[in-house]
Amino acid sequence: MNRKLKNTLVLIAIFLLIIIGGSIFSFVIQKSKIDNKKKELNSLNANTTNTEELMAKFDNLKRRAAELDSILSLRKFNIPVNVSQSDFYDFVNKISYNFAPDSYVNIEYVELINQKHYNYYTYKLSGTAYFNDVYKLIYAIEQSKSLKKILTCNFTNFVSVDDDGLPHYYVNYTFKVAVYFSSNDQFASSVTKENKLIPNPIYDIFYPLIRNEIPPNLDNLLDVQSAQLLALIPEGAFISDSKGVTYLLWEGDQVYLGYLTEIDYDKNEVHFVLNKGGIIEKVTLTLDNENSDKKNN
């Protein structure tokens, strides 16, 4: 056998070994991987849709998301997503901005409470304020779009008399407030419009019905208790006080602690209603020959 034929046989043998080895690797070793890739390819081909179908599905999902978002936004309260502690400080500062100068509120962060579906911060609010300022704060917390609730509260009345002798009736208050939030957006809307947070004024339930503090006569009004009816004229009634100062008054005019309610020309009388610290008193001044008769009812 010559050398050329021998080399040819060797090359043929090597080629056959490569074919056999490749076949074993492809159809035995790689068979399971090839089968898995074929299944994955078939699955992708089965679920393949064109661009128009994908856009149609996207538009449908977009409309559905907008409907759900609209439903959430129409709810009176929402639980926001991951609010910071400083948000409540900003909220209270905004509400208390229009309080009376003497009203104030202190804010103290207490703790974070973790629940199954939501969490909440707790804060302590305390201070002194006029009753309607306290009511504004309570109303804003309870009616806020982002869910907040007053957990506990305590009130006491407080009276302060200023340098002019005017009494001021305050409320000392302490609240424990919960500010709720969630780690996901299932309770919140992407567009949030705050609820109405400014209430109408209400009656001050802490204002005393009977008061020891009588406001001073800073406007120099007529003090009916020491007054004398001088004359009745079509334009009104001439009345003088204990210092001899003369006032011309008509029905509805204000006097110290009250009002002139009626001028009775037939009986030569003038009638007043006074509020002496919650005690209502009617006073009648009568014009007679001596101009000095006064009756208290």
Protein backbone atom coordinates (compact mmCIF):
# COMPACT_ATOMS: atom_id res chain seq x y z
CA MET A 1 0.00 0.00 0.00
CA ASN A 2 1.51 3.23 -1.07
CA ARG A 3 1.74 6.29 1.12
CA LYS A 4 -0.97 8.29 -0.69
CA LEU A 5 -3.62 5.60 -0.15
CA LYS A 6 -2.61 5.19 3.46
CA ASN A 7 -3.08 8.95 4.15
CA THR A 8 -6.44 8.88 2.44
CA LEU A 9 -7.66 6.03 4.63
CA VAL A 10 -6.47 7.85 7.75
CA LEU A 11 -8.38 11.02 6.77
CA ILE A 12 -11.50 8.98 6.05
CA ALA A 13 -11.24 7.33 9.49
CA ILE A 14 -10.81 10.70 11.22
CA PHE A 15 -13.79 12.12 9.30
CA LEU A 16 -15.93 9.15 10.32
CA LEU A 17 -14.90 9.59 13.98
CA ILE A 18 -15.88 13.30 13.84
CA ILE A 19 -19.27 12.45 12.32
CA ILE A 20 -19.92 9.71 14.88
CA GLY A 21 -18.81 11.94 17.80
CA GLY A 22 -20.88 14.88 16.58
CA SER A 23 -23.94 12.70 16.12
CA ILE A 24 -23.58 11.25 19.62
CA PHE A 25 -23.18 14.75 21.10
CA SER A 26 -26.10 16.26 19.14
CA PHE A 27 -28.63 13.42 19.31
CA VAL A 28 -27.74 11.89 22.67
CA ILE A 29 -26.08 14.46 24.91
CA GLN A 30 -27.88 17.59 23.58
CA LYS A 31 -31.19 15.88 22.79
CA SER A 32 -32.98 17.02 26.00
CA LYS A 33 -31.83 20.60 25.54
CA ILE A 34 -32.89 20.62 21.91
CA ASP A 35 -36.32 19.25 22.83
CA ASN A 36 -36.78 21.96 25.49
CA LYS A 37 -35.81 24.69 23.03
CA LYS A 38 -38.24 23.30 20.46
CA LYS A 39 -41.06 23.35 23.05
CA GLU A 40 -40.18 26.93 24.00
CA LEU A 41 -40.09 27.96 20.36
CA ASN A 42 -43.47 26.33 19.71
CA SER A 43 -44.91 28.10 22.74
CA LEU A 44 -43.62 31.48 21.57
CA ASN A 45 -44.97 30.88 18.09
CA ALA A 46 -48.36 29.96 19.53
CA ASN A 47 -48.57 33.19 21.55
CA THR A 48 -47.17 35.46 18.94
CA THR A 49 -49.48 38.36 18.01
CA ASN A 50 -49.04 41.19 15.62
CA THR A 51 -48.48 44.83 16.58
CA GLU A 52 -52.12 45.83 16.06
CA GLU A 53 -53.35 43.16 18.45
CA LEU A 54 -50.80 44.21 21.06
CA MET A 55 -51.84 47.87 20.75
CA ALA A 56 -55.51 46.89 21.08
CA LYS A 57 -54.76 44.98 24.29
CA PHE A 58 -52.72 47.90 25.58
CA ASP A 59 -55.54 50.39 24.91
CA ASN A 60 -58.04 48.11 26.64
CA LEU A 61 -55.82 47.76 29.72
CA LYS A 62 -55.22 51.51 29.72
CA ARG A 63 -58.96 52.23 29.72
CA ARG A 64 -59.50 49.72 32.53
CA ALA A 65 -56.72 51.30 34.60
CA ALA A 66 -58.30 54.74 34.07
CA GLU A 67 -61.68 53.42 35.25
CA LEU A 68 -60.17 51.95 38.40
CA ASP A 69 -58.21 55.13 39.03
CA SER A 70 -61.40 57.18 38.63
CA ILE A 71 -63.22 54.97 41.14
CA LEU A 72 -60.39 55.42 43.65
CA SER A 73 -60.27 59.20 43.11
CA LEU A 74 -64.02 59.47 43.79
CA ARG A 75 -63.64 57.81 47.18
CA LYS A 76 -63.73 60.29 50.06
CA PHE A 77 -60.54 58.85 51.58
CA ASN A 78 -57.45 57.22 50.10
CA ILE A 79 -54.45 55.56 51.73
CA PRO A 80 -51.40 57.10 50.01
CA VAL A 81 -48.19 55.32 49.12
CA ASN A 82 -45.08 55.67 51.28
CA VAL A 83 -45.62 59.13 52.82
CA SER A 84 -42.80 60.72 54.77
CA GLN A 85 -42.97 61.90 58.37
CA SER A 86 -42.54 65.53 57.32
CA ASP A 87 -45.74 65.46 55.23
CA PHE A 88 -47.92 65.65 58.33
CA TYR A 89 -45.88 68.56 59.74
CA ASP A 90 -46.50 70.45 56.47
CA PHE A 91 -50.19 69.55 56.62
CA VAL A 92 -50.66 70.89 60.17
CA ASN A 93 -48.64 74.04 59.45
CA LYS A 94 -50.83 74.76 56.44
CA ILE A 95 -54.03 74.32 58.47
CA SER A 96 -52.80 76.41 61.42
CA TYR A 97 -51.51 79.24 59.21
CA ASN A 98 -54.85 81.10 59.47
CA PHE A 99 -55.32 80.53 63.21
CA ALA A 100 -55.74 83.51 65.54
CA PRO A 101 -52.40 84.95 66.73
CA ASP A 102 -52.92 83.53 70.22
CA SER A 103 -53.69 80.01 68.96
CA TYR A 104 -50.84 77.54 68.47
CA VAL A 105 -50.18 73.84 67.96
CA ASN A 106 -47.16 71.67 68.86
CA ILE A 107 -46.39 68.49 66.88
CA GLU A 108 -44.45 65.51 68.25
CA TYR A 109 -43.71 62.32 66.30
CA VAL A 110 -44.37 59.20 68.40
CA GLU A 111 -43.88 55.94 66.47
CA LEU A 112 -44.46 53.84 63.33
CA ILE A 113 -47.04 51.03 63.53
CA ASN A 114 -46.84 48.21 60.95
CA GLN A 115 -50.03 46.36 59.95
CA LYS A 116 -50.71 43.59 57.44
CA HIS A 117 -51.98 45.71 54.55
CA TYR A 118 -50.97 49.21 55.64
CA ASN A 119 -48.87 51.15 58.14
CA TYR A 120 -49.37 54.38 60.05
CA TYR A 121 -47.38 57.03 61.87
CA THR A 122 -48.64 58.33 65.21
CA TYR A 123 -48.21 61.95 66.32
CA LYS A 124 -49.05 63.92 69.45
CA LEU A 125 -50.62 67.35 68.89
CA SER A 126 -50.98 69.75 71.80
CA GLY A 127 -51.49 73.44 72.37
CA THR A 128 -53.86 76.25 73.31
CA ALA A 129 -56.30 77.84 70.88
CA TYR A 130 -59.72 79.37 70.46
CA PHE A 131 -62.43 76.76 70.18
CA ASN A 132 -63.12 77.31 66.47
CA ASP A 133 -59.39 77.04 65.68
CA VAL A 134 -59.33 73.68 67.47
CA TYR A 135 -62.43 72.67 65.52
CA LYS A 136 -60.73 73.65 62.23
CA LEU A 137 -57.79 71.40 63.12
CA ILE A 138 -60.03 68.45 64.03
CA TYR A 139 -62.12 68.89 60.88
CA ALA A 140 -59.07 69.07 58.59
CA ILE A 141 -57.52 65.92 60.08
CA GLU A 142 -60.73 63.88 59.92
CA GLN A 143 -61.77 65.11 56.44
CA SER A 144 -58.39 64.97 54.70
CA LYS A 145 -58.28 62.96 51.45
CA SER A 146 -55.19 61.10 52.65
CA LEU A 147 -56.54 59.02 55.51
CA LYS A 148 -55.84 60.47 58.97
CA LYS A 149 -57.69 59.74 62.20
CA ILE A 150 -57.71 61.16 65.72
CA LEU A 151 -57.22 58.19 68.06
CA THR A 152 -57.55 59.95 71.43
CA CYS A 153 -58.22 63.52 72.54
CA ASN A 154 -58.38 65.58 75.71
CA PHE A 155 -59.81 69.11 76.23
CA THR A 156 -59.83 71.63 79.09
CA ASN A 157 -61.00 75.24 79.09
CA PHE A 158 -58.66 78.11 79.90
CA VAL A 159 -59.42 81.81 80.55
CA SER A 160 -56.85 84.56 80.07
CA VAL A 161 -57.38 88.28 80.78
CA ASP A 162 -55.21 90.66 78.75
CA ASP A 163 -53.72 94.01 79.83
CA ASP A 164 -56.88 95.88 78.79
CA GLY A 165 -59.01 93.67 81.02
CA LEU A 166 -60.62 91.74 78.16
CA PRO A 167 -61.19 88.04 78.91
CA HIS A 168 -60.20 85.44 76.28
CA TYR A 169 -61.65 81.96 76.41
CA TYR A 170 -59.29 79.25 75.12
CA VAL A 171 -59.16 75.47 74.92
CA ASN A 172 -56.15 73.41 76.01
CA TYR A 173 -56.07 70.29 73.84
CA THR A 174 -54.06 67.12 73.30
CA PHE A 175 -54.58 64.74 70.34
CA LYS A 176 -53.08 61.43 69.31
CA VAL A 177 -53.29 61.22 65.51
CA ALA A 178 -52.72 58.30 63.12
CA VAL A 179 -51.50 59.04 59.57
CA TYR A 180 -52.03 56.01 57.31
CA PHE A 181 -49.98 54.90 54.30
CA SER A 182 -49.35 51.75 52.27
CA SER A 183 -46.36 50.20 50.52
CA ASN A 184 -48.39 49.69 47.30
CA ASP A 185 -50.90 51.73 45.33
CA GLN A 186 -53.97 49.48 45.63
CA PHE A 187 -55.66 51.99 47.99
CA ALA A 188 -54.57 55.20 46.23
CA SER A 189 -55.40 57.14 43.09
CA SER A 190 -52.76 58.58 40.80
CA VAL A 191 -54.66 61.89 40.72
CA THR A 192 -55.64 63.22 44.14
CA LYS A 193 -57.82 66.28 44.82
CA GLU A 194 -57.94 67.37 48.44
CA ASN A 195 -61.31 67.46 50.20
CA LYS A 196 -62.80 70.68 51.56
CA LEU A 197 -60.89 71.29 54.80
CA ILE A 198 -62.37 74.61 55.96
CA PRO A 199 -65.53 74.15 58.08
CA ASN A 200 -68.20 76.68 58.95
CA PRO A 201 -67.86 78.17 62.46
CA ILE A 202 -69.86 76.45 65.19
CA TYR A 203 -70.97 77.38 68.69
CA ASP A 204 -68.17 77.40 71.26
CA ILE A 205 -69.20 74.64 73.67
CA PHE A 206 -66.46 75.72 76.11
CA TYR A 207 -67.67 79.32 76.30
CA PRO A 208 -69.09 79.77 79.84
CA LEU A 209 -72.79 80.57 80.13
CA ILE A 210 -72.16 82.59 83.31
CA ARG A 211 -68.93 84.58 83.39
CA ASN A 212 -67.14 86.35 86.21
CA GLU A 213 -65.07 88.39 83.78
CA ILE A 214 -66.92 91.47 82.47
CA PRO A 215 -65.23 93.24 79.53
CA PRO A 216 -64.21 96.86 80.21
CA ASN A 217 -65.88 99.80 78.48
CA LEU A 218 -63.05 100.45 76.02
CA ASP A 219 -65.29 102.22 73.47
CA ASN A 220 -66.68 104.71 76.02
CA LEU A 221 -70.25 103.58 75.47
CA LEU A 222 -73.12 104.73 77.64
CA ASP A 223 -73.20 102.91 81.00
CA VAL A 224 -76.93 102.46 81.56
CA GLN A 225 -76.51 101.52 85.22
CA SER A 226 -75.65 105.11 86.13
CA ALA A 227 -77.53 106.87 83.33
CA GLN A 228 -80.40 109.37 83.39
CA LEU A 229 -83.02 110.01 80.69
CA LEU A 230 -83.02 113.74 79.90
CA ALA A 231 -85.43 114.10 76.99
CA LEU A 232 -87.25 112.32 74.17
CA ILE A 233 -87.24 113.84 70.70
CA PRO A 234 -88.29 112.46 67.29
CA GLU A 235 -84.62 111.84 66.49
CA GLY A 236 -84.14 109.64 69.61
CA ALA A 237 -83.44 109.94 73.31
CA PHE A 238 -81.03 112.21 75.17
CA ILE A 239 -79.37 110.29 78.00
CA SER A 240 -76.53 111.35 80.29
CA ASP A 241 -74.14 109.17 82.28
CA SER A 242 -72.76 109.68 85.78
CA LYS A 243 -70.02 111.96 84.44
CA GLY A 244 -72.52 114.28 82.79
CA VAL A 245 -71.67 113.15 79.23
CA THR A 246 -74.79 113.30 77.04
CA TYR A 247 -75.61 110.71 74.38
CA LEU A 248 -78.25 110.84 71.63
CA LEU A 249 -79.39 107.26 71.03
CA TRP A 250 -81.97 105.54 68.83
CA GLU A 251 -83.47 102.06 68.90
CA GLY A 252 -80.79 99.43 68.14
CA ASP A 253 -77.86 101.59 69.24
CA GLN A 254 -75.21 99.88 71.32
CA VAL A 255 -74.53 100.74 74.93
CA TYR A 256 -72.07 99.26 77.41
CA LEU A 257 -72.93 95.52 77.76
CA GLY A 258 -76.08 95.79 75.64
CA TYR A 259 -78.44 97.69 73.32
CA LEU A 260 -81.27 100.19 73.42
CA THR A 261 -84.22 98.05 72.35
CA GLU A 262 -87.22 100.42 72.47
CA ILE A 263 -88.24 104.06 72.90
CA ASP A 264 -91.78 104.34 74.29
CA TYR A 265 -93.04 107.87 73.66
CA ASP A 266 -96.43 107.17 75.24
CA LYS A 267 -94.92 106.25 78.60
CA ASN A 268 -91.80 108.44 78.27
CA GLU A 269 -89.54 105.42 78.71
CA VAL A 270 -86.53 103.85 77.04
CA HIS A 271 -85.77 100.13 77.37
CA PHE A 272 -82.38 98.38 77.32
CA VAL A 273 -81.21 94.77 77.35
CA LEU A 274 -77.83 94.13 79.01
CA ASN A 275 -75.71 90.98 79.08
CA LYS A 276 -73.81 90.90 82.36
CA GLY A 277 -71.55 87.90 81.94
CA GLY A 278 -74.32 85.65 80.68
CA ILE A 279 -77.04 87.10 82.94
CA ILE A 280 -79.59 88.99 80.83
CA GLU A 281 -81.01 92.08 82.50
CA LYS A 282 -83.67 94.48 81.25
CA VAL A 283 -83.29 98.13 82.29
CA THR A 284 -85.87 100.91 81.86
CA LEU A 285 -85.14 104.62 82.16
CA THR A 286 -88.20 106.82 82.74
CA LEU A 287 -88.62 110.51 82.04
CA ASP A 288 -90.61 112.36 84.74
CA ASN A 289 -90.75 115.80 86.21
CA GLU A 290 -87.51 115.27 88.09
CA ASN A 291 -85.81 113.29 85.26
CA SER A 292 -84.41 110.82 87.77
CA ASP A 293 -86.62 107.77 87.94
CA LYS A 294 -84.95 104.49 86.87
CA LYS A 295 -86.42 100.99 87.04
CA ASN A 296 -84.54 97.67 86.82
CA ASN A 297 -86.34 94.47 85.79
